[in-house]
Amino acid sequence: MKQEQKVEKTVVPLVETNAATKDEIIFKIQILTSSSSLKSTDKRFKGLKDVEYYQEGGLYKYTMALLRITIKYSEQSAPSRPTLKMRSL
């Protein structure tokens, strides 16, 4: 009988939700991957705002926010129909 090999994966969400309030969704794009850490003044980041990074599998993955959606609930709107405000970044 063949034994299955277990592979662990780290899953990074493409959509980030503000954990503190759950009222904001941020869509990010990955713009660069590097095997070493880069300075924020690197010429490849010229003209880009709010570049962030995270490490995964020995790589530095650089991202930037593309779209921010704020979810607002009011007494006038039904709970299932919140007001959405979109803002490109």
PDB file of N, CA and C in Angstrom:
ATOM      1  N   MET A   1       0.830  -1.176   0.000  1.00  0.00           N
ATOM      2  CA  MET A   1       0.000   0.000   0.000  1.00  0.00           C
ATOM      3  C   MET A   1       0.887   1.257   0.000  1.00  0.00           C
ATOM      4  N   LYS A   2       0.574   2.184  -0.871  1.00  0.00           N
ATOM      5  CA  LYS A   2       1.339   3.410  -1.010  1.00  0.00           C
ATOM      6  C   LYS A   2       0.913   4.421   0.053  1.00  0.00           C
ATOM      7  N   GLN A   3       1.881   5.000   0.746  1.00  0.00           N
ATOM      8  CA  GLN A   3       1.563   5.970   1.788  1.00  0.00           C
ATOM      9  C   GLN A   3       1.610   7.381   1.202  1.00  0.00           C
ATOM     10  N   GLU A   4       0.575   8.156   1.504  1.00  0.00           N
ATOM     11  CA  GLU A   4       0.510   9.517   0.990  1.00  0.00           C
ATOM     12  C   GLU A   4       1.451  10.426   1.758  1.00  0.00           C
ATOM     13  N   GLN A   5       2.090  11.320   1.023  1.00  0.00           N
ATOM     14  CA  GLN A   5       2.982  12.280   1.646  1.00  0.00           C
ATOM     15  C   GLN A   5       2.204  13.560   1.917  1.00  0.00           C
ATOM     16  N   LYS A   6       2.288  14.039   3.143  1.00  0.00           N
ATOM     17  CA  LYS A   6       1.564  15.237   3.533  1.00  0.00           C
ATOM     18  C   LYS A   6       2.409  16.466   3.217  1.00  0.00           C
ATOM     19  N   VAL A   7       1.807  17.434   2.519  1.00  0.00           N
ATOM     20  CA  VAL A   7       2.496  18.670   2.165  1.00  0.00           C
ATOM     21  C   VAL A   7       1.773  19.828   2.842  1.00  0.00           C
ATOM     22  N   GLU A   8       2.550  20.635   3.565  1.00  0.00           N
ATOM     23  CA  GLU A   8       1.960  21.799   4.222  1.00  0.00           C
ATOM     24  C   GLU A   8       2.115  23.021   3.326  1.00  0.00           C
ATOM     25  N   LYS A   9       1.060  23.809   3.243  1.00  0.00           N
ATOM     26  CA  LYS A   9       1.076  25.027   2.449  1.00  0.00           C
ATOM     27  C   LYS A   9       0.711  26.203   3.328  1.00  0.00           C
ATOM     28  N   THR A  10       1.332  27.320   3.048  1.00  0.00           N
ATOM     29  CA  THR A  10       0.939  28.557   3.700  1.00  0.00           C
ATOM     30  C   THR A  10       0.056  29.307   2.723  1.00  0.00           C
ATOM     31  N   VAL A  11      -1.156  29.566   3.112  1.00  0.00           N
ATOM     32  CA  VAL A  11      -2.098  30.267   2.238  1.00  0.00           C
ATOM     33  C   VAL A  11      -2.162  31.725   2.647  1.00  0.00           C
ATOM     34  N   VAL A  12      -1.937  32.590   1.674  1.00  0.00           N
ATOM     35  CA  VAL A  12      -2.006  34.029   1.921  1.00  0.00           C
ATOM     36  C   VAL A  12      -3.239  34.549   1.194  1.00  0.00           C
ATOM     37  N   PRO A  13      -4.180  35.144   1.916  1.00  0.00           N
ATOM     38  CA  PRO A  13      -5.406  35.612   1.264  1.00  0.00           C
ATOM     39  C   PRO A  13      -5.136  36.741   0.288  1.00  0.00           C
ATOM     40  N   LEU A  14      -5.888  36.760  -0.811  1.00  0.00           N
ATOM     41  CA  LEU A  14      -5.777  37.844  -1.769  1.00  0.00           C
ATOM     42  C   LEU A  14      -6.581  39.051  -1.318  1.00  0.00           C
ATOM     43  N   VAL A  15      -7.514  38.807  -0.433  1.00  0.00           N
ATOM     44  CA  VAL A  15      -8.338  39.886   0.116  1.00  0.00           C
ATOM     45  C   VAL A  15      -8.054  39.974   1.596  1.00  0.00           C
ATOM     46  N   GLU A  16      -7.715  41.154   2.051  1.00  0.00           N
ATOM     47  CA  GLU A  16      -7.414  41.355   3.463  1.00  0.00           C
ATOM     48  C   GLU A  16      -8.568  42.113   4.112  1.00  0.00           C
ATOM     49  N   THR A  17      -9.045  41.629   5.222  1.00  0.00           N
ATOM     50  CA  THR A  17     -10.119  42.297   5.950  1.00  0.00           C
ATOM     51  C   THR A  17      -9.548  42.919   7.208  1.00  0.00           C
ATOM     52  N   ASN A  18      -9.968  44.133   7.511  1.00  0.00           N
ATOM     53  CA  ASN A  18      -9.540  44.800   8.731  1.00  0.00           C
ATOM     54  C   ASN A  18     -10.030  43.966   9.905  1.00  0.00           C
ATOM     55  N   ALA A  19      -9.139  43.291  10.597  1.00  0.00           N
ATOM     56  CA  ALA A  19      -9.505  42.355  11.664  1.00  0.00           C
ATOM     57  C   ALA A  19     -10.133  43.055  12.858  1.00  0.00           C
ATOM     58  N   ALA A  20      -9.756  44.286  13.106  1.00  0.00           N
ATOM     59  CA  ALA A  20     -10.258  44.986  14.287  1.00  0.00           C
ATOM     60  C   ALA A  20     -11.741  45.324  14.166  1.00  0.00           C
ATOM     61  N   THR A  21     -12.174  45.748  12.979  1.00  0.00           N
ATOM     62  CA  THR A  21     -13.552  46.213  12.843  1.00  0.00           C
ATOM     63  C   THR A  21     -14.371  45.441  11.817  1.00  0.00           C
ATOM     64  N   LYS A  22     -13.735  44.681  10.975  1.00  0.00           N
ATOM     65  CA  LYS A  22     -14.416  43.920   9.912  1.00  0.00           C
ATOM     66  C   LYS A  22     -15.228  44.821   8.995  1.00  0.00           C
ATOM     67  N   ASP A  23     -14.832  46.081   8.873  1.00  0.00           N
ATOM     68  CA  ASP A  23     -15.606  47.015   8.059  1.00  0.00           C
ATOM     69  C   ASP A  23     -14.854  47.479   6.817  1.00  0.00           C
ATOM     70  N   GLU A  24     -13.755  46.826   6.509  1.00  0.00           N
ATOM     71  CA  GLU A  24     -12.948  47.258   5.391  1.00  0.00           C
ATOM     72  C   GLU A  24     -12.346  46.057   4.679  1.00  0.00           C
ATOM     73  N   ILE A  25     -12.385  46.083   3.351  1.00  0.00           N
ATOM     74  CA  ILE A  25     -11.752  45.042   2.541  1.00  0.00           C
ATOM     75  C   ILE A  25     -10.714  45.731   1.676  1.00  0.00           C
ATOM     76  N   ILE A  26      -9.504  45.186   1.653  1.00  0.00           N
ATOM     77  CA  ILE A  26      -8.427  45.774   0.861  1.00  0.00           C
ATOM     78  C   ILE A  26      -7.962  44.740  -0.164  1.00  0.00           C
ATOM     79  N   PHE A  27      -8.025  45.111  -1.431  1.00  0.00           N
ATOM     80  CA  PHE A  27      -7.524  44.253  -2.498  1.00  0.00           C
ATOM     81  C   PHE A  27      -6.100  44.673  -2.805  1.00  0.00           C
ATOM     82  N   LYS A  28      -5.173  43.709  -2.767  1.00  0.00           N
ATOM     83  CA  LYS A  28      -3.762  44.002  -3.009  1.00  0.00           C
ATOM     84  C   LYS A  28      -3.270  43.198  -4.208  1.00  0.00           C
ATOM     85  N   ILE A  29      -2.233  43.726  -4.846  1.00  0.00           N
ATOM     86  CA  ILE A  29      -1.574  42.997  -5.924  1.00  0.00           C
ATOM     87  C   ILE A  29      -0.116  42.796  -5.542  1.00  0.00           C
ATOM     88  N   GLN A  30       0.424  41.673  -5.974  1.00  0.00           N
ATOM     89  CA  GLN A  30       1.848  41.405  -5.748  1.00  0.00           C
ATOM     90  C   GLN A  30       2.600  42.021  -6.913  1.00  0.00           C
ATOM     91  N   ILE A  31       3.589  42.848  -6.603  1.00  0.00           N
ATOM     92  CA  ILE A  31       4.311  43.555  -7.655  1.00  0.00           C
ATOM     93  C   ILE A  31       5.735  43.052  -7.863  1.00  0.00           C
ATOM     94  N   LEU A  32       6.274  42.330  -6.864  1.00  0.00           N
ATOM     95  CA  LEU A  32       7.666  41.909  -6.966  1.00  0.00           C
ATOM     96  C   LEU A  32       7.947  40.790  -5.980  1.00  0.00           C
ATOM     97  N   THR A  33       8.816  39.876  -6.353  1.00  0.00           N
ATOM     98  CA  THR A  33       9.285  38.816  -5.462  1.00  0.00           C
ATOM     99  C   THR A  33      10.805  38.827  -5.491  1.00  0.00           C
ATOM    100  N   SER A  34      11.417  38.666  -4.307  1.00  0.00           N
ATOM    101  CA  SER A  34      12.867  38.698  -4.221  1.00  0.00           C
ATOM    102  C   SER A  34      13.337  37.687  -3.176  1.00  0.00           C
ATOM    103  N   SER A  35      14.522  37.139  -3.398  1.00  0.00           N
ATOM    104  CA  SER A  35      15.087  36.201  -2.427  1.00  0.00           C
ATOM    105  C   SER A  35      15.768  36.934  -1.267  1.00  0.00           C
ATOM    106  N   SER A  36      15.949  38.259  -1.416  1.00  0.00           N
ATOM    107  CA  SER A  36      16.534  39.052  -0.333  1.00  0.00           C
ATOM    108  C   SER A  36      15.682  40.296  -0.093  1.00  0.00           C
ATOM    109  N   SER A  37      15.815  40.842   1.109  1.00  0.00           N
ATOM    110  CA  SER A  37      15.051  42.030   1.482  1.00  0.00           C
ATOM    111  C   SER A  37      15.537  43.235   0.673  1.00  0.00           C
ATOM    112  N   LEU A  38      14.599  44.075   0.249  1.00  0.00           N
ATOM    113  CA  LEU A  38      14.938  45.273  -0.524  1.00  0.00           C
ATOM    114  C   LEU A  38      14.671  46.517   0.314  1.00  0.00           C
ATOM    115  N   LYS A  39      15.460  47.561   0.085  1.00  0.00           N
ATOM    116  CA  LYS A  39      15.243  48.837   0.782  1.00  0.00           C
ATOM    117  C   LYS A  39      14.032  49.533   0.167  1.00  0.00           C
ATOM    118  N   SER A  40      13.355  50.324   0.985  1.00  0.00           N
ATOM    119  CA  SER A  40      12.184  51.050   0.486  1.00  0.00           C
ATOM    120  C   SER A  40      12.566  52.077  -0.577  1.00  0.00           C
ATOM    121  N   THR A  41      13.854  52.428  -0.649  1.00  0.00           N
ATOM    122  CA  THR A  41      14.334  53.388  -1.647  1.00  0.00           C
ATOM    123  C   THR A  41      14.775  52.716  -2.944  1.00  0.00           C
ATOM    124  N   ASP A  42      14.592  51.399  -3.055  1.00  0.00           N
ATOM    125  CA  ASP A  42      14.969  50.667  -4.271  1.00  0.00           C
ATOM    126  C   ASP A  42      14.300  51.309  -5.486  1.00  0.00           C
ATOM    127  N   LYS A  43      15.039  51.440  -6.584  1.00  0.00           N
ATOM    128  CA  LYS A  43      14.527  52.127  -7.778  1.00  0.00           C
ATOM    129  C   LYS A  43      13.281  51.443  -8.358  1.00  0.00           C
ATOM    130  N   ARG A  44      13.106  50.162  -8.078  1.00  0.00           N
ATOM    131  CA  ARG A  44      11.923  49.455  -8.593  1.00  0.00           C
ATOM    132  C   ARG A  44      10.629  49.900  -7.913  1.00  0.00           C
ATOM    133  N   PHE A  45      10.747  50.588  -6.767  1.00  0.00           N
ATOM    134  CA  PHE A  45       9.565  51.077  -6.052  1.00  0.00           C
ATOM    135  C   PHE A  45       9.277  52.550  -6.347  1.00  0.00           C
ATOM    136  N   LYS A  46      10.085  53.156  -7.222  1.00  0.00           N
ATOM    137  CA  LYS A  46       9.923  54.579  -7.520  1.00  0.00           C
ATOM    138  C   LYS A  46       8.516  54.856  -8.049  1.00  0.00           C
ATOM    139  N   GLY A  47       7.858  55.834  -7.443  1.00  0.00           N
ATOM    140  CA  GLY A  47       6.520  56.232  -7.878  1.00  0.00           C
ATOM    141  C   GLY A  47       5.394  55.402  -7.273  1.00  0.00           C
ATOM    142  N   LEU A  48       5.727  54.372  -6.505  1.00  0.00           N
ATOM    143  CA  LEU A  48       4.703  53.528  -5.890  1.00  0.00           C
ATOM    144  C   LEU A  48       4.485  53.953  -4.446  1.00  0.00           C
ATOM    145  N   LYS A  49       3.231  53.897  -4.001  1.00  0.00           N
ATOM    146  CA  LYS A  49       2.907  54.301  -2.632  1.00  0.00           C
ATOM    147  C   LYS A  49       2.520  53.080  -1.806  1.00  0.00           C
ATOM    148  N   ASP A  50       2.857  53.143  -0.536  1.00  0.00           N
ATOM    149  CA  ASP A  50       2.429  52.135   0.440  1.00  0.00           C
ATOM    150  C   ASP A  50       2.770  50.701   0.039  1.00  0.00           C
ATOM    151  N   VAL A  51       4.011  50.478  -0.377  1.00  0.00           N
ATOM    152  CA  VAL A  51       4.470  49.130  -0.706  1.00  0.00           C
ATOM    153  C   VAL A  51       4.748  48.390   0.596  1.00  0.00           C
ATOM    154  N   GLU A  52       4.210  47.185   0.709  1.00  0.00           N
ATOM    155  CA  GLU A  52       4.427  46.347   1.886  1.00  0.00           C
ATOM    156  C   GLU A  52       5.015  45.016   1.424  1.00  0.00           C
ATOM    157  N   TYR A  53       5.536  44.245   2.381  1.00  0.00           N
ATOM    158  CA  TYR A  53       6.030  42.926   2.021  1.00  0.00           C
ATOM    159  C   TYR A  53       5.707  41.931   3.115  1.00  0.00           C
ATOM    160  N   TYR A  54       5.748  40.667   2.737  1.00  0.00           N
ATOM    161  CA  TYR A  54       5.643  39.565   3.689  1.00  0.00           C
ATOM    162  C   TYR A  54       6.588  38.483   3.201  1.00  0.00           C
ATOM    163  N   GLN A  55       6.990  37.609   4.109  1.00  0.00           N
ATOM    164  CA  GLN A  55       7.883  36.510   3.747  1.00  0.00           C
ATOM    165  C   GLN A  55       7.090  35.218   3.649  1.00  0.00           C
ATOM    166  N   GLU A  56       7.397  34.445   2.622  1.00  0.00           N
ATOM    167  CA  GLU A  56       6.766  33.146   2.440  1.00  0.00           C
ATOM    168  C   GLU A  56       7.740  32.236   1.705  1.00  0.00           C
ATOM    169  N   GLY A  57       8.006  31.106   2.289  1.00  0.00           N
ATOM    170  CA  GLY A  57       8.886  30.131   1.649  1.00  0.00           C
ATOM    171  C   GLY A  57      10.262  30.670   1.320  1.00  0.00           C
ATOM    172  N   GLY A  58      10.807  31.516   2.185  1.00  0.00           N
ATOM    173  CA  GLY A  58      12.141  32.058   1.947  1.00  0.00           C
ATOM    174  C   GLY A  58      12.188  33.209   0.955  1.00  0.00           C
ATOM    175  N   LEU A  59      11.027  33.682   0.497  1.00  0.00           N
ATOM    176  CA  LEU A  59      10.976  34.787  -0.455  1.00  0.00           C
ATOM    177  C   LEU A  59      10.308  36.002   0.185  1.00  0.00           C
ATOM    178  N   TYR A  60      10.733  37.175  -0.264  1.00  0.00           N
ATOM    179  CA  TYR A  60      10.091  38.421   0.134  1.00  0.00           C
ATOM    180  C   TYR A  60       9.123  38.782  -0.985  1.00  0.00           C
ATOM    181  N   LYS A  61       7.851  38.905  -0.630  1.00  0.00           N
ATOM    182  CA  LYS A  61       6.823  39.206  -1.623  1.00  0.00           C
ATOM    183  C   LYS A  61       6.286  40.607  -1.347  1.00  0.00           C
ATOM    184  N   TYR A  62       6.436  41.481  -2.326  1.00  0.00           N
ATOM    185  CA  TYR A  62       6.071  42.888  -2.182  1.00  0.00           C
ATOM    186  C   TYR A  62       4.699  43.134  -2.811  1.00  0.00           C
ATOM    187  N   THR A  63       3.855  43.837  -2.064  1.00  0.00           N
ATOM    188  CA  THR A  63       2.494  44.097  -2.511  1.00  0.00           C
ATOM    189  C   THR A  63       2.160  45.572  -2.345  1.00  0.00           C
ATOM    190  N   MET A  64       1.097  45.973  -3.009  1.00  0.00           N
ATOM    191  CA  MET A  64       0.545  47.304  -2.780  1.00  0.00           C
ATOM    192  C   MET A  64      -0.963  47.232  -2.899  1.00  0.00           C
ATOM    193  N   ALA A  65      -1.633  48.082  -2.138  1.00  0.00           N
ATOM    194  CA  ALA A  65      -3.086  48.105  -2.143  1.00  0.00           C
ATOM    195  C   ALA A  65      -3.570  48.711  -3.453  1.00  0.00           C
ATOM    196  N   LEU A  66      -4.582  48.091  -4.023  1.00  0.00           N
ATOM    197  CA  LEU A  66      -5.126  48.548  -5.296  1.00  0.00           C
ATOM    198  C   LEU A  66      -6.497  49.187  -5.117  1.00  0.00           C
ATOM    199  N   LEU A  67      -7.287  48.611  -4.210  1.00  0.00           N
ATOM    200  CA  LEU A  67      -8.656  49.081  -4.005  1.00  0.00           C
ATOM    201  C   LEU A  67      -9.051  48.870  -2.555  1.00  0.00           C
ATOM    202  N   ARG A  68      -9.698  49.837  -1.974  1.00  0.00           N
ATOM    203  CA  ARG A  68     -10.168  49.748  -0.593  1.00  0.00           C
ATOM    204  C   ARG A  68     -11.679  49.920  -0.608  1.00  0.00           C
ATOM    205  N   ILE A  69     -12.385  48.977   0.017  1.00  0.00           N
ATOM    206  CA  ILE A  69     -13.842  49.058   0.124  1.00  0.00           C
ATOM    207  C   ILE A  69     -14.199  49.178   1.599  1.00  0.00           C
ATOM    208  N   THR A  70     -14.909  50.234   1.930  1.00  0.00           N
ATOM    209  CA  THR A  70     -15.362  50.446   3.294  1.00  0.00           C
ATOM    210  C   THR A  70     -16.833  50.067   3.368  1.00  0.00           C
ATOM    211  N   ILE A  71     -17.178  49.264   4.344  1.00  0.00           N
ATOM    212  CA  ILE A  71     -18.554  48.797   4.523  1.00  0.00           C
ATOM    213  C   ILE A  71     -19.160  49.569   5.692  1.00  0.00           C
ATOM    214  N   LYS A  72     -20.260  50.247   5.424  1.00  0.00           N
ATOM    215  CA  LYS A  72     -20.907  51.033   6.470  1.00  0.00           C
ATOM    216  C   LYS A  72     -22.329  50.546   6.667  1.00  0.00           C
ATOM    217  N   TYR A  73     -22.673  50.334   7.917  1.00  0.00           N
ATOM    218  CA  TYR A  73     -24.030  49.941   8.280  1.00  0.00           C
ATOM    219  C   TYR A  73     -24.699  51.139   8.952  1.00  0.00           C
ATOM    220  N   SER A  74     -25.919  51.418   8.567  1.00  0.00           N
ATOM    221  CA  SER A  74     -26.660  52.491   9.214  1.00  0.00           C
ATOM    222  C   SER A  74     -28.007  51.954   9.676  1.00  0.00           C
ATOM    223  N   GLU A  75     -28.652  52.702  10.522  1.00  0.00           N
ATOM    224  CA  GLU A  75     -29.957  52.278  11.020  1.00  0.00           C
ATOM    225  C   GLU A  75     -30.989  52.251   9.898  1.00  0.00           C
ATOM    226  N   GLN A  76     -30.781  53.066   8.878  1.00  0.00           N
ATOM    227  CA  GLN A  76     -31.739  53.148   7.774  1.00  0.00           C
ATOM    228  C   GLN A  76     -31.610  51.992   6.797  1.00  0.00           C
ATOM    229  N   SER A  77     -30.410  51.443   6.656  1.00  0.00           N
ATOM    230  CA  SER A  77     -30.222  50.344   5.706  1.00  0.00           C
ATOM    231  C   SER A  77     -30.495  49.011   6.390  1.00  0.00           C
ATOM    232  N   ALA A  78     -31.033  48.097   5.635  1.00  0.00           N
ATOM    233  CA  ALA A  78     -31.299  46.763   6.169  1.00  0.00           C
ATOM    234  C   ALA A  78     -29.964  46.095   6.475  1.00  0.00           C
ATOM    235  N   PRO A  79     -29.899  45.235   7.500  1.00  0.00           N
ATOM    236  CA  PRO A  79     -28.634  44.582   7.861  1.00  0.00           C
ATOM    237  C   PRO A  79     -27.988  43.828   6.703  1.00  0.00           C
ATOM    238  N   SER A  80     -28.793  43.333   5.781  1.00  0.00           N
ATOM    239  CA  SER A  80     -28.226  42.565   4.674  1.00  0.00           C
ATOM    240  C   SER A  80     -27.803  43.467   3.509  1.00  0.00           C
ATOM    241  N   ARG A  81     -28.060  44.775   3.631  1.00  0.00           N
ATOM    242  CA  ARG A  81     -27.723  45.703   2.548  1.00  0.00           C
ATOM    243  C   ARG A  81     -26.901  46.875   3.073  1.00  0.00           C
ATOM    244  N   PRO A  82     -25.631  46.656   3.343  1.00  0.00           N
ATOM    245  CA  PRO A  82     -24.785  47.752   3.837  1.00  0.00           C
ATOM    246  C   PRO A  82     -24.442  48.709   2.704  1.00  0.00           C
ATOM    247  N   THR A  83     -23.985  49.886   3.058  1.00  0.00           N
ATOM    248  CA  THR A  83     -23.506  50.862   2.093  1.00  0.00           C
ATOM    249  C   THR A  83     -22.031  50.578   1.841  1.00  0.00           C
ATOM    250  N   LEU A  84     -21.652  50.490   0.572  1.00  0.00           N
ATOM    251  CA  LEU A  84     -20.257  50.234   0.214  1.00  0.00           C
ATOM    252  C   LEU A  84     -19.653  51.489  -0.396  1.00  0.00           C
ATOM    253  N   LYS A  85     -18.470  51.816   0.056  1.00  0.00           N
ATOM    254  CA  LYS A  85     -17.746  52.956  -0.506  1.00  0.00           C
ATOM    255  C   LYS A  85     -16.416  52.440  -1.033  1.00  0.00           C
ATOM    256  N   MET A  86     -16.213  52.571  -2.359  1.00  0.00           N
ATOM    257  CA  MET A  86     -14.977  52.078  -2.971  1.00  0.00           C
ATOM    258  C   MET A  86     -14.043  53.238  -3.243  1.00  0.00           C
ATOM    259  N   ARG A  87     -12.748  52.975  -3.019  1.00  0.00           N
ATOM    260  CA  ARG A  87     -11.741  54.001  -3.259  1.00  0.00           C
ATOM    261  C   ARG A  87     -10.515  53.327  -3.845  1.00  0.00           C
ATOM    262  N   SER A  88     -10.130  53.746  -5.054  1.00  0.00           N
ATOM    263  CA  SER A  88      -8.892  53.200  -5.624  1.00  0.00           C
ATOM    264  C   SER A  88      -7.732  53.920  -4.982  1.00  0.00           C
ATOM    265  N   LEU A  89      -6.636  53.215  -4.819  1.00  0.00           N
ATOM    266  CA  LEU A  89      -5.480  53.776  -4.115  1.00  0.00           C
ATOM    267  C   LEU A  89      -4.345  54.044  -5.056  1.00  0.00           C
TER     268      LEU A  89
END
